[in-house]
Amino acid sequence: MIFIFSGPSGVGKSTIIDAIRQKRDFQFSVSYTSRNIREGEYNGEDYNFVTEEEFLRLIDDDFFVEYEKYGRNYYGTSKNAVNNSVGSLILDLEVNGATKLLASNPSFTGIFIDIDDEELTKRLKKRGHDEAFIDERMRLAEYQRSFMDKFDYQIKNKDINTTVNKILDIIYSLEER
């Protein structure tokens, strides 16, 4: 089973995915990105960090099952991560890449995670972003929400434990089919 998690930046996808992986044996696809590594991140664990030139070469080499330019940087999922997965796999994807992959793979399950605007703004401020960046991200979040209906499930993350339990219930119900 392959689960695609998506939603605006700052809604808690990474925290949710980590909590689910602590309770269930899921593989996680580490995406590739051309953005700079941030403090506390590790190459090969958080992302596979590559230069923009290397990312573009990988596109030319047909390396990705999906990729998108998000903001100023590229993000992509390798074909190997999807094709060579053993057991259940979680992908954390930007909305455009997620909807393309879901449309071409109806057996994948899409889960859109969201939070209310006030909480999203608070989280972006906590990350140290300035007002212009936050305004840009809020406009982007509005755009991303317009794709919610392309996902199998939409979950508002009001409380991490409740959200994780809702997603686990979805996983259990799909496994019983």
N, C-alpha and C. Protein backbone atom coordinates (compact mmCIF):
# COMPACT_ATOMS: atom_id res chain seq x y z
N MET A 1 0.84 -1.18 0.00
CA MET A 1 0.00 0.00 0.00
C MET A 1 0.88 1.25 0.00
N ILE A 2 0.49 2.21 -0.80
CA ILE A 2 1.23 3.47 -0.88
C ILE A 2 0.29 4.60 -0.48
N PHE A 3 0.74 5.39 0.50
CA PHE A 3 -0.03 6.52 1.01
C PHE A 3 0.71 7.80 0.67
N ILE A 4 -0.02 8.75 0.10
CA ILE A 4 0.55 10.04 -0.25
C ILE A 4 -0.05 11.09 0.69
N PHE A 5 0.82 11.73 1.46
CA PHE A 5 0.41 12.80 2.36
C PHE A 5 0.76 14.12 1.70
N SER A 6 -0.17 15.07 1.78
CA SER A 6 0.08 16.37 1.20
C SER A 6 -0.70 17.42 1.98
N GLY A 7 -0.42 18.66 1.68
CA GLY A 7 -1.08 19.79 2.33
C GLY A 7 -0.11 20.95 2.41
N PRO A 8 -0.59 22.09 2.84
CA PRO A 8 0.28 23.26 2.94
C PRO A 8 1.47 23.04 3.87
N SER A 9 2.55 23.74 3.60
CA SER A 9 3.73 23.69 4.45
C SER A 9 3.37 24.23 5.83
N GLY A 10 3.72 23.46 6.87
CA GLY A 10 3.48 23.91 8.23
C GLY A 10 2.27 23.29 8.90
N VAL A 11 1.56 22.38 8.21
CA VAL A 11 0.35 21.79 8.81
C VAL A 11 0.65 20.60 9.72
N GLY A 12 1.90 20.14 9.73
CA GLY A 12 2.27 19.05 10.63
C GLY A 12 2.46 17.71 9.97
N LYS A 13 2.63 17.68 8.65
CA LYS A 13 2.76 16.40 7.94
C LYS A 13 3.92 15.57 8.47
N SER A 14 5.08 16.18 8.64
CA SER A 14 6.25 15.41 9.11
C SER A 14 6.02 14.84 10.50
N THR A 15 5.45 15.63 11.38
CA THR A 15 5.17 15.16 12.74
C THR A 15 4.18 14.00 12.71
N ILE A 16 3.15 14.13 11.87
CA ILE A 16 2.14 13.07 11.75
C ILE A 16 2.76 11.80 11.19
N ILE A 17 3.55 11.95 10.14
CA ILE A 17 4.19 10.78 9.52
C ILE A 17 5.12 10.09 10.52
N ASP A 18 5.90 10.87 11.26
CA ASP A 18 6.78 10.28 12.27
C ASP A 18 5.99 9.50 13.31
N ALA A 19 4.87 10.06 13.76
CA ALA A 19 4.04 9.39 14.77
C ALA A 19 3.44 8.09 14.23
N ILE A 20 3.00 8.12 12.99
CA ILE A 20 2.44 6.91 12.37
C ILE A 20 3.52 5.84 12.24
N ARG A 21 4.70 6.24 11.83
CA ARG A 21 5.80 5.29 11.65
C ARG A 21 6.27 4.70 12.97
N GLN A 22 6.04 5.39 14.07
CA GLN A 22 6.37 4.84 15.39
C GLN A 22 5.38 3.74 15.79
N LYS A 23 4.17 3.82 15.23
CA LYS A 23 3.13 2.85 15.59
C LYS A 23 2.99 1.72 14.57
N ARG A 24 3.44 1.97 13.35
CA ARG A 24 3.31 1.00 12.27
C ARG A 24 4.60 0.91 11.49
N ASP A 25 4.83 -0.23 10.88
CA ASP A 25 6.04 -0.45 10.09
C ASP A 25 5.81 0.05 8.67
N PHE A 26 6.14 1.31 8.44
CA PHE A 26 6.01 1.91 7.13
C PHE A 26 7.38 2.35 6.65
N GLN A 27 7.63 2.15 5.37
CA GLN A 27 8.80 2.75 4.75
C GLN A 27 8.45 4.20 4.46
N PHE A 28 9.46 5.05 4.40
CA PHE A 28 9.25 6.45 4.06
C PHE A 28 10.17 6.79 2.91
N SER A 29 9.60 7.35 1.87
CA SER A 29 10.39 7.76 0.72
C SER A 29 11.03 9.12 1.01
N VAL A 30 12.34 9.16 1.00
CA VAL A 30 13.06 10.41 1.20
C VAL A 30 13.15 11.12 -0.15
N SER A 31 12.49 12.26 -0.24
CA SER A 31 12.44 13.03 -1.48
C SER A 31 13.79 13.67 -1.79
N TYR A 32 13.94 14.03 -3.04
CA TYR A 32 15.09 14.81 -3.49
C TYR A 32 14.69 16.27 -3.54
N THR A 33 15.63 17.15 -3.24
CA THR A 33 15.36 18.58 -3.34
C THR A 33 16.61 19.34 -3.75
N SER A 34 16.37 20.46 -4.41
CA SER A 34 17.48 21.34 -4.78
C SER A 34 17.65 22.46 -3.77
N ARG A 35 16.83 22.49 -2.72
CA ARG A 35 16.97 23.56 -1.73
C ARG A 35 18.16 23.29 -0.81
N ASN A 36 18.59 24.34 -0.13
CA ASN A 36 19.70 24.21 0.81
C ASN A 36 19.26 23.45 2.05
N ILE A 37 20.19 22.73 2.62
CA ILE A 37 19.93 22.00 3.86
C ILE A 37 19.77 23.01 5.00
N ARG A 38 18.82 22.74 5.90
CA ARG A 38 18.59 23.61 7.06
C ARG A 38 19.24 23.01 8.29
N GLU A 39 19.45 23.86 9.26
CA GLU A 39 20.03 23.40 10.52
C GLU A 39 19.16 22.29 11.10
N GLY A 40 19.81 21.21 11.52
CA GLY A 40 19.08 20.09 12.12
C GLY A 40 18.63 19.05 11.13
N GLU A 41 18.81 19.30 9.83
CA GLU A 41 18.44 18.33 8.81
C GLU A 41 19.66 17.49 8.44
N TYR A 42 19.37 16.30 7.92
CA TYR A 42 20.43 15.39 7.53
C TYR A 42 20.19 14.90 6.11
N ASN A 43 21.25 14.97 5.30
CA ASN A 43 21.16 14.48 3.94
C ASN A 43 20.89 12.97 3.95
N GLY A 44 19.93 12.54 3.15
CA GLY A 44 19.58 11.13 3.08
C GLY A 44 18.55 10.70 4.10
N GLU A 45 18.28 11.57 5.07
CA GLU A 45 17.29 11.26 6.10
C GLU A 45 16.07 12.16 5.96
N ASP A 46 16.29 13.47 5.92
CA ASP A 46 15.20 14.42 5.75
C ASP A 46 14.88 14.60 4.26
N TYR A 47 15.90 14.78 3.49
CA TYR A 47 15.83 14.88 2.03
C TYR A 47 17.15 14.36 1.48
N ASN A 48 17.15 14.08 0.19
CA ASN A 48 18.39 13.90 -0.55
C ASN A 48 18.67 15.26 -1.18
N PHE A 49 19.66 15.97 -0.65
CA PHE A 49 19.95 17.33 -1.10
C PHE A 49 20.90 17.27 -2.28
N VAL A 50 20.49 17.90 -3.39
CA VAL A 50 21.30 17.97 -4.59
C VAL A 50 21.27 19.40 -5.11
N THR A 51 22.22 19.73 -5.98
CA THR A 51 22.21 21.05 -6.60
C THR A 51 21.08 21.10 -7.63
N GLU A 52 20.72 22.32 -8.01
CA GLU A 52 19.69 22.46 -9.04
C GLU A 52 20.16 21.82 -10.35
N GLU A 53 21.43 21.96 -10.67
CA GLU A 53 21.97 21.37 -11.89
C GLU A 53 21.84 19.84 -11.84
N GLU A 54 22.15 19.25 -10.69
CA GLU A 54 22.04 17.80 -10.56
C GLU A 54 20.58 17.36 -10.63
N PHE A 55 19.69 18.14 -10.03
CA PHE A 55 18.27 17.81 -10.09
C PHE A 55 17.79 17.81 -11.54
N LEU A 56 18.17 18.83 -12.30
CA LEU A 56 17.76 18.92 -13.70
C LEU A 56 18.33 17.75 -14.51
N ARG A 57 19.56 17.32 -14.18
CA ARG A 57 20.14 16.15 -14.86
C ARG A 57 19.32 14.90 -14.54
N LEU A 58 18.89 14.76 -13.28
CA LEU A 58 18.07 13.61 -12.89
C LEU A 58 16.73 13.62 -13.62
N ILE A 59 16.17 14.80 -13.84
CA ILE A 59 14.93 14.90 -14.64
C ILE A 59 15.20 14.38 -16.05
N ASP A 60 16.29 14.84 -16.65
CA ASP A 60 16.65 14.39 -18.01
C ASP A 60 16.88 12.88 -18.07
N ASP A 61 17.37 12.31 -16.97
CA ASP A 61 17.64 10.87 -16.90
C ASP A 61 16.39 10.05 -16.57
N ASP A 62 15.22 10.72 -16.48
CA ASP A 62 13.95 10.05 -16.17
C ASP A 62 14.02 9.31 -14.83
N PHE A 63 14.63 9.95 -13.86
CA PHE A 63 14.87 9.37 -12.54
C PHE A 63 13.66 9.44 -11.62
N PHE A 64 12.78 10.43 -11.86
CA PHE A 64 11.68 10.70 -10.93
C PHE A 64 10.35 10.13 -11.41
N VAL A 65 9.56 9.66 -10.45
CA VAL A 65 8.19 9.27 -10.74
C VAL A 65 7.30 10.53 -10.72
N GLU A 66 7.72 11.52 -9.96
CA GLU A 66 7.07 12.83 -9.95
C GLU A 66 8.07 13.85 -9.45
N TYR A 67 7.92 15.09 -9.93
CA TYR A 67 8.74 16.19 -9.43
C TYR A 67 7.98 17.48 -9.68
N GLU A 68 8.30 18.48 -8.89
CA GLU A 68 7.67 19.79 -9.01
C GLU A 68 8.66 20.85 -8.58
N LYS A 69 8.44 22.04 -9.10
CA LYS A 69 9.17 23.20 -8.58
C LYS A 69 8.21 23.87 -7.60
N TYR A 70 8.65 24.00 -6.37
CA TYR A 70 7.85 24.58 -5.30
C TYR A 70 8.61 25.77 -4.76
N GLY A 71 8.04 26.96 -4.96
CA GLY A 71 8.81 28.15 -4.63
C GLY A 71 9.98 28.26 -5.58
N ARG A 72 11.17 28.34 -5.03
CA ARG A 72 12.37 28.48 -5.86
C ARG A 72 13.11 27.17 -6.05
N ASN A 73 12.59 26.10 -5.46
CA ASN A 73 13.34 24.84 -5.45
C ASN A 73 12.55 23.69 -6.04
N TYR A 74 13.30 22.69 -6.48
CA TYR A 74 12.70 21.47 -7.01
C TYR A 74 12.59 20.41 -5.91
N TYR A 75 11.53 19.61 -6.01
CA TYR A 75 11.32 18.46 -5.12
C TYR A 75 10.87 17.30 -5.98
N GLY A 76 11.33 16.10 -5.69
CA GLY A 76 10.93 14.96 -6.48
C GLY A 76 11.06 13.65 -5.75
N THR A 77 10.33 12.65 -6.25
CA THR A 77 10.34 11.29 -5.71
C THR A 77 10.94 10.37 -6.74
N SER A 78 11.95 9.61 -6.33
CA SER A 78 12.61 8.72 -7.28
C SER A 78 11.72 7.53 -7.62
N LYS A 79 11.87 7.05 -8.83
CA LYS A 79 11.15 5.85 -9.25
C LYS A 79 11.54 4.66 -8.39
N ASN A 80 12.83 4.58 -8.03
CA ASN A 80 13.30 3.47 -7.21
C ASN A 80 12.57 3.40 -5.87
N ALA A 81 12.32 4.55 -5.26
CA ALA A 81 11.65 4.58 -3.95
C ALA A 81 10.27 3.94 -4.04
N VAL A 82 9.57 4.19 -5.13
CA VAL A 82 8.22 3.65 -5.29
C VAL A 82 8.27 2.21 -5.79
N ASN A 83 9.07 1.94 -6.80
CA ASN A 83 9.10 0.61 -7.42
C ASN A 83 9.75 -0.46 -6.56
N ASN A 84 10.68 -0.06 -5.70
CA ASN A 84 11.40 -1.04 -4.89
C ASN A 84 10.94 -1.10 -3.44
N SER A 85 9.79 -0.48 -3.15
CA SER A 85 9.31 -0.50 -1.76
C SER A 85 8.80 -1.89 -1.41
N VAL A 86 9.07 -2.28 -0.18
CA VAL A 86 8.61 -3.56 0.35
C VAL A 86 7.65 -3.23 1.48
N GLY A 87 6.42 -3.68 1.40
CA GLY A 87 5.45 -3.33 2.42
C GLY A 87 4.81 -2.00 2.11
N SER A 88 4.32 -1.35 3.13
CA SER A 88 3.63 -0.07 2.96
C SER A 88 4.62 1.08 2.91
N LEU A 89 4.29 2.07 2.08
CA LEU A 89 5.18 3.21 1.84
C LEU A 89 4.40 4.50 2.03
N ILE A 90 5.05 5.48 2.67
CA ILE A 90 4.48 6.82 2.81
C ILE A 90 5.31 7.79 1.99
N LEU A 91 4.61 8.61 1.22
CA LEU A 91 5.24 9.69 0.47
C LEU A 91 4.70 11.01 1.03
N ASP A 92 5.56 11.99 1.21
CA ASP A 92 5.17 13.34 1.64
C ASP A 92 5.44 14.24 0.44
N LEU A 93 4.36 14.64 -0.25
CA LEU A 93 4.52 15.33 -1.52
C LEU A 93 3.81 16.67 -1.56
N GLU A 94 4.36 17.58 -2.35
CA GLU A 94 3.71 18.84 -2.65
C GLU A 94 2.43 18.52 -3.41
N VAL A 95 1.43 19.38 -3.30
CA VAL A 95 0.08 19.10 -3.82
C VAL A 95 0.07 18.79 -5.32
N ASN A 96 0.79 19.56 -6.12
CA ASN A 96 0.76 19.32 -7.57
C ASN A 96 1.32 17.95 -7.92
N GLY A 97 2.47 17.60 -7.34
CA GLY A 97 3.05 16.29 -7.59
C GLY A 97 2.17 15.18 -7.06
N ALA A 98 1.57 15.41 -5.89
CA ALA A 98 0.68 14.41 -5.29
C ALA A 98 -0.53 14.14 -6.17
N THR A 99 -1.17 15.19 -6.68
CA THR A 99 -2.38 14.98 -7.48
C THR A 99 -2.05 14.29 -8.81
N LYS A 100 -0.91 14.61 -9.39
CA LYS A 100 -0.50 13.92 -10.62
C LYS A 100 -0.26 12.44 -10.37
N LEU A 101 0.42 12.14 -9.28
CA LEU A 101 0.72 10.74 -8.96
C LEU A 101 -0.55 9.98 -8.60
N LEU A 102 -1.46 10.61 -7.88
CA LEU A 102 -2.74 9.96 -7.53
C LEU A 102 -3.58 9.70 -8.78
N ALA A 103 -3.58 10.65 -9.71
CA ALA A 103 -4.37 10.49 -10.93
C ALA A 103 -3.85 9.34 -11.79
N SER A 104 -2.54 9.12 -11.77
CA SER A 104 -1.96 8.08 -12.62
C SER A 104 -1.84 6.73 -11.90
N ASN A 105 -2.12 6.70 -10.60
CA ASN A 105 -2.02 5.48 -9.80
C ASN A 105 -3.22 5.35 -8.87
N PRO A 106 -4.36 4.88 -9.38
CA PRO A 106 -5.57 4.84 -8.57
C PRO A 106 -5.48 3.93 -7.34
N SER A 107 -4.49 3.07 -7.28
CA SER A 107 -4.35 2.21 -6.10
C SER A 107 -3.69 2.93 -4.94
N PHE A 108 -3.07 4.11 -5.19
CA PHE A 108 -2.45 4.89 -4.13
C PHE A 108 -3.56 5.60 -3.35
N THR A 109 -3.32 5.85 -2.07
CA THR A 109 -4.29 6.55 -1.23
C THR A 109 -3.75 7.93 -0.88
N GLY A 110 -4.54 8.95 -1.18
CA GLY A 110 -4.14 10.33 -0.91
C GLY A 110 -4.80 10.87 0.34
N ILE A 111 -3.98 11.47 1.21
CA ILE A 111 -4.48 12.06 2.45
C ILE A 111 -4.01 13.51 2.50
N PHE A 112 -4.97 14.43 2.48
CA PHE A 112 -4.68 15.86 2.53
C PHE A 112 -4.80 16.32 3.97
N ILE A 113 -3.74 16.91 4.50
CA ILE A 113 -3.71 17.41 5.86
C ILE A 113 -3.80 18.94 5.83
N ASP A 114 -4.62 19.51 6.69
CA ASP A 114 -4.78 20.95 6.72
C ASP A 114 -4.94 21.41 8.17
N ILE A 115 -4.81 22.70 8.40
CA ILE A 115 -5.12 23.34 9.68
C ILE A 115 -5.76 24.68 9.37
N ASP A 116 -6.30 25.33 10.39
CA ASP A 116 -6.91 26.63 10.12
C ASP A 116 -5.83 27.68 9.90
N ASP A 117 -6.21 28.77 9.23
CA ASP A 117 -5.25 29.81 8.84
C ASP A 117 -4.52 30.43 10.03
N GLU A 118 -5.24 30.65 11.13
CA GLU A 118 -4.62 31.27 12.29
C GLU A 118 -3.48 30.41 12.83
N GLU A 119 -3.72 29.11 12.92
CA GLU A 119 -2.69 28.20 13.41
C GLU A 119 -1.53 28.10 12.42
N LEU A 120 -1.84 28.08 11.13
CA LEU A 120 -0.79 28.00 10.12
C LEU A 120 0.11 29.24 10.19
N THR A 121 -0.48 30.41 10.31
CA THR A 121 0.30 31.65 10.43
C THR A 121 1.19 31.60 11.66
N LYS A 122 0.64 31.13 12.77
CA LYS A 122 1.41 31.02 14.02
C LYS A 122 2.62 30.09 13.84
N ARG A 123 2.40 28.97 13.18
CA ARG A 123 3.50 28.01 12.97
C ARG A 123 4.57 28.58 12.05
N LEU A 124 4.16 29.28 11.00
CA LEU A 124 5.14 29.87 10.09
C LEU A 124 5.95 30.95 10.80
N LYS A 125 5.30 31.74 11.66
CA LYS A 125 6.03 32.75 12.44
C LYS A 125 7.02 32.08 13.39
N LYS A 126 6.60 30.98 14.00
CA LYS A 126 7.46 30.25 14.93
C LYS A 126 8.72 29.74 14.23
N ARG A 127 8.59 29.45 12.93
CA ARG A 127 9.75 29.00 12.15
C ARG A 127 10.69 30.15 11.79
N GLY A 128 10.31 31.37 12.15
CA GLY A 128 11.17 32.52 11.93
C GLY A 128 10.99 33.21 10.59
N HIS A 129 9.91 32.92 9.89
CA HIS A 129 9.69 33.54 8.58
C HIS A 129 9.16 34.97 8.74
N ASP A 130 9.53 35.84 7.78
CA ASP A 130 9.04 37.21 7.81
C ASP A 130 7.64 37.31 7.22
N GLU A 131 7.02 38.49 7.38
CA GLU A 131 5.62 38.69 6.96
C GLU A 131 5.42 38.46 5.47
N ALA A 132 6.36 38.91 4.65
CA ALA A 132 6.22 38.73 3.20
C ALA A 132 6.20 37.25 2.84
N PHE A 133 7.10 36.48 3.46
CA PHE A 133 7.14 35.03 3.21
C PHE A 133 5.85 34.37 3.69
N ILE A 134 5.38 34.77 4.87
CA ILE A 134 4.15 34.20 5.42
C ILE A 134 2.97 34.51 4.52
N ASP A 135 2.88 35.75 4.04
CA ASP A 135 1.79 36.11 3.10
C ASP A 135 1.84 35.26 1.85
N GLU A 136 3.05 35.05 1.31
CA GLU A 136 3.22 34.20 0.12
C GLU A 136 2.76 32.78 0.41
N ARG A 137 3.15 32.23 1.56
CA ARG A 137 2.77 30.86 1.93
C ARG A 137 1.27 30.73 2.18
N MET A 138 0.65 31.78 2.70
CA MET A 138 -0.80 31.73 2.94
C MET A 138 -1.56 31.73 1.61
N ARG A 139 -1.07 32.51 0.64
CA ARG A 139 -1.68 32.48 -0.70
C ARG A 139 -1.49 31.11 -1.34
N LEU A 140 -0.31 30.54 -1.15
CA LEU A 140 -0.03 29.21 -1.68
C LEU A 140 -0.92 28.16 -1.00
N ALA A 141 -1.13 28.29 0.30
CA ALA A 141 -2.00 27.35 1.03
C ALA A 141 -3.42 27.41 0.47
N GLU A 142 -3.89 28.59 0.17
CA GLU A 142 -5.23 28.76 -0.42
C GLU A 142 -5.31 28.01 -1.76
N TYR A 143 -4.28 28.18 -2.58
CA TYR A 143 -4.21 27.47 -3.86
C TYR A 143 -4.20 25.96 -3.64
N GLN A 144 -3.37 25.50 -2.71
CA GLN A 144 -3.25 24.06 -2.45
C GLN A 144 -4.57 23.47 -1.97
N ARG A 145 -5.30 24.21 -1.17
CA ARG A 145 -6.59 23.73 -0.67
C ARG A 145 -7.59 23.53 -1.80
N SER A 146 -7.39 24.20 -2.91
CA SER A 146 -8.32 24.03 -4.04
C SER A 146 -8.22 22.63 -4.64
N PHE A 147 -7.20 21.86 -4.26
CA PHE A 147 -7.02 20.50 -4.76
C PHE A 147 -7.46 19.43 -3.76
N MET A 148 -7.99 19.84 -2.63
CA MET A 148 -8.34 18.89 -1.57
C MET A 148 -9.23 17.76 -2.07
N ASP A 149 -10.16 18.09 -2.96
CA ASP A 149 -11.12 17.07 -3.43
C ASP A 149 -10.47 16.01 -4.32
N LYS A 150 -9.22 16.21 -4.69
CA LYS A 150 -8.49 15.21 -5.48
C LYS A 150 -7.92 14.09 -4.60
N PHE A 151 -8.02 14.27 -3.29
CA PHE A 151 -7.48 13.31 -2.33
C PHE A 151 -8.61 12.43 -1.78
N ASP A 152 -8.25 11.22 -1.43
CA ASP A 152 -9.24 10.27 -0.89
C ASP A 152 -9.77 10.71 0.46
N TYR A 153 -8.90 11.35 1.25
CA TYR A 153 -9.27 11.77 2.60
C TYR A 153 -8.73 13.17 2.86
N GLN A 154 -9.51 13.98 3.57
CA GLN A 154 -9.10 15.31 3.99
C GLN A 154 -9.24 15.37 5.51
N ILE A 155 -8.16 15.73 6.18
CA ILE A 155 -8.15 15.73 7.63
C ILE A 155 -7.64 17.08 8.14
N LYS A 156 -8.42 17.68 9.03
CA LYS A 156 -8.01 18.93 9.68
C LYS A 156 -7.22 18.56 10.93
N ASN A 157 -5.98 18.98 10.99
CA ASN A 157 -5.09 18.65 12.11
C ASN A 157 -5.29 19.65 13.25
N LYS A 158 -6.27 19.37 14.08
CA LYS A 158 -6.51 20.22 15.25
C LYS A 158 -5.73 19.72 16.46
N ASP A 159 -5.51 18.43 16.51
CA ASP A 159 -4.78 17.80 17.62
C ASP A 159 -4.01 16.63 17.03
N ILE A 160 -2.71 16.59 17.28
CA ILE A 160 -1.84 15.59 16.65
C ILE A 160 -2.29 14.16 16.95
N ASN A 161 -2.62 13.87 18.20
CA ASN A 161 -3.02 12.49 18.56
C ASN A 161 -4.31 12.08 17.86
N THR A 162 -5.28 12.98 17.82
CA THR A 162 -6.54 12.69 17.14
C THR A 162 -6.30 12.48 15.65
N THR A 163 -5.48 13.33 15.06
CA THR A 163 -5.18 13.21 13.62
C THR A 163 -4.49 11.88 13.32
N VAL A 164 -3.49 11.53 14.11
CA VAL A 164 -2.78 10.26 13.90
C VAL A 164 -3.74 9.09 14.04
N ASN A 165 -4.61 9.12 15.04
CA ASN A 165 -5.57 8.02 15.23
C ASN A 165 -6.56 7.93 14.08
N LYS A 166 -6.99 9.07 13.53
CA LYS A 166 -7.89 9.06 12.36
C LYS A 166 -7.19 8.40 11.17
N ILE A 167 -5.95 8.74 10.97
CA ILE A 167 -5.21 8.18 9.83
C ILE A 167 -4.97 6.69 10.04
N LEU A 168 -4.64 6.30 11.25
CA LEU A 168 -4.47 4.87 11.53
C LEU A 168 -5.77 4.11 11.30
N ASP A 169 -6.90 4.70 11.65
CA ASP A 169 -8.20 4.07 11.39
C ASP A 169 -8.41 3.88 9.88
N ILE A 170 -8.01 4.89 9.09
CA ILE A 170 -8.11 4.78 7.63
C ILE A 170 -7.24 3.62 7.14
N ILE A 171 -6.02 3.56 7.62
CA ILE A 171 -5.09 2.50 7.20
C ILE A 171 -5.66 1.13 7.56
N TYR A 172 -6.14 0.97 8.79
CA TYR A 172 -6.70 -0.32 9.21
C TYR A 172 -7.89 -0.71 8.35
N SER A 173 -8.77 0.25 8.05
CA SER A 173 -9.95 -0.07 7.24
C SER A 173 -9.57 -0.48 5.82
N LEU A 174 -8.53 0.15 5.25
CA LEU A 174 -8.08 -0.21 3.92
C LEU A 174 -7.41 -1.59 3.90
N GLU A 175 -6.71 -1.92 4.97
CA GLU A 175 -6.06 -3.22 5.05
C GLU A 175 -7.08 -4.36 5.17
N GLU A 176 -8.24 -4.07 5.74
CA GLU A 176 -9.26 -5.09 5.92
C GLU A 176 -10.00 -5.43 4.62
N ARG A 177 -9.83 -4.59 3.61
CA ARG A 177 -10.52 -4.82 2.34
C ARG A 177 -9.96 -6.02 1.61
